[in-house]
């Protein structure tokens, strides 16, 4: 991540998964297409779909997966207030 932050797009195909890993910075994911599931430190599985977002705090263990396909917009920032909004 460069100064200020980074933006990326992640495409998950059918049965795709971003395995459990820690957020390295405050992170916001927004579902651009498809639907799937997200789970953070609280272990609660949340169904996510187009237009919905999830915020991960720095160090929070999390994972995201889909049955049918998912496109995520990922925004990471060095602004700690994003993680505080969790």
Protein backbone atom coordinates (compact mmCIF):
# COMPACT_ATOMS: atom_id res chain seq x y z
CA UNK A 1 0.00 0.00 0.00
CA UNK A 2 1.37 3.40 -0.96
CA UNK A 3 1.01 6.57 1.10
CA UNK A 4 -2.66 7.31 1.61
CA UNK A 5 -3.99 3.95 0.51
CA UNK A 6 -4.74 1.61 -2.36
CA UNK A 7 -7.74 0.52 -4.42
CA UNK A 8 -8.13 -2.83 -6.14
CA UNK A 9 -10.65 -5.16 -7.72
CA UNK A 10 -10.90 -8.84 -6.85
CA UNK A 11 -12.79 -11.31 -9.06
CA UNK A 12 -13.78 -14.60 -7.44
CA UNK A 13 -15.13 -17.29 -9.73
CA UNK A 14 -17.72 -19.86 -8.73
CA UNK A 15 -16.78 -21.44 -5.39
CA UNK A 16 -13.98 -18.88 -5.02
CA UNK A 17 -12.54 -17.99 -1.64
CA UNK A 18 -10.20 -15.44 -0.13
CA UNK A 19 -8.97 -17.53 2.79
CA UNK A 20 -8.72 -16.30 6.34
CA UNK A 21 -6.02 -13.64 6.74
CA UNK A 22 -5.41 -10.45 8.77
CA UNK A 23 -6.20 -7.01 7.40
CA UNK A 24 -2.89 -5.17 7.08
CA UNK A 25 -4.62 -1.75 7.24
CA UNK A 26 -8.15 -0.42 7.64
CA UNK A 27 -9.99 -2.01 4.71
CA UNK A 28 -13.36 -1.49 3.06
CA UNK A 29 -14.78 -4.02 0.60
CA UNK A 30 -17.78 -3.20 -1.58
CA UNK A 31 -19.60 -5.85 -3.62
CA UNK A 32 -19.70 -4.70 -7.26
CA UNK A 33 -21.27 -7.88 -8.71
CA UNK A 34 -22.59 -11.20 -7.46
CA UNK A 35 -23.07 -12.26 -3.89
CA UNK A 36 -21.18 -14.20 -1.28
CA UNK A 37 -20.29 -14.39 2.38
CA UNK A 38 -17.89 -12.65 4.74
CA UNK A 39 -16.66 -13.56 8.22
CA UNK A 40 -14.49 -11.52 10.55
CA UNK A 41 -13.11 -11.87 14.07
CA UNK A 42 -16.60 -12.28 15.52
CA UNK A 43 -17.01 -15.50 13.44
CA UNK A 44 -20.52 -14.42 12.35
CA UNK A 45 -21.16 -15.25 8.67
CA UNK A 46 -22.71 -12.33 6.81
CA UNK A 47 -24.31 -12.71 3.38
CA UNK A 48 -23.19 -9.82 1.15
CA UNK A 49 -24.53 -8.66 -2.21
CA UNK A 50 -24.28 -5.86 -4.75
CA UNK A 51 -23.86 -2.44 -3.13
CA UNK A 52 -23.16 -3.84 0.34
CA UNK A 53 -19.91 -3.17 2.17
CA UNK A 54 -17.82 -4.61 4.98
CA UNK A 55 -15.10 -2.85 6.98
CA UNK A 56 -12.15 -4.76 8.41
CA UNK A 57 -10.07 -3.24 11.22
CA UNK A 58 -6.26 -3.49 11.09
CA UNK A 59 -5.21 -6.95 12.24
CA UNK A 60 -8.74 -8.36 12.01
CA UNK A 61 -8.81 -11.92 10.72
CA UNK A 62 -11.34 -12.24 7.92
CA UNK A 63 -12.37 -14.25 4.87
CA UNK A 64 -14.74 -13.87 1.94
CA UNK A 65 -16.21 -16.54 -0.35
CA UNK A 66 -18.89 -17.16 -2.95
CA UNK A 67 -20.90 -19.98 -4.46
CA UNK A 68 -21.62 -18.37 -7.85
CA UNK A 69 -19.02 -15.61 -8.35
CA UNK A 70 -18.23 -12.25 -6.79
CA UNK A 71 -16.51 -9.00 -7.75
CA UNK A 72 -15.17 -6.88 -4.90
CA UNK A 73 -13.85 -3.33 -4.84
CA UNK A 74 -11.20 -3.23 -2.11
CA UNK A 75 -10.09 0.05 -0.55
CA UNK A 76 -7.22 0.13 1.95
CA UNK A 77 -6.22 3.31 3.74
CA UNK A 78 -3.69 4.51 6.23
CA UNK A 79 -6.49 6.53 7.89
CA UNK A 80 -7.21 4.73 11.19
CA UNK A 81 -10.71 6.24 11.39
CA UNK A 82 -11.97 3.73 8.76
CA UNK A 83 -11.17 0.80 11.03
CA UNK A 84 -12.73 2.64 13.97
CA UNK A 85 -16.06 2.80 12.10
CA UNK A 86 -16.32 -1.01 12.31
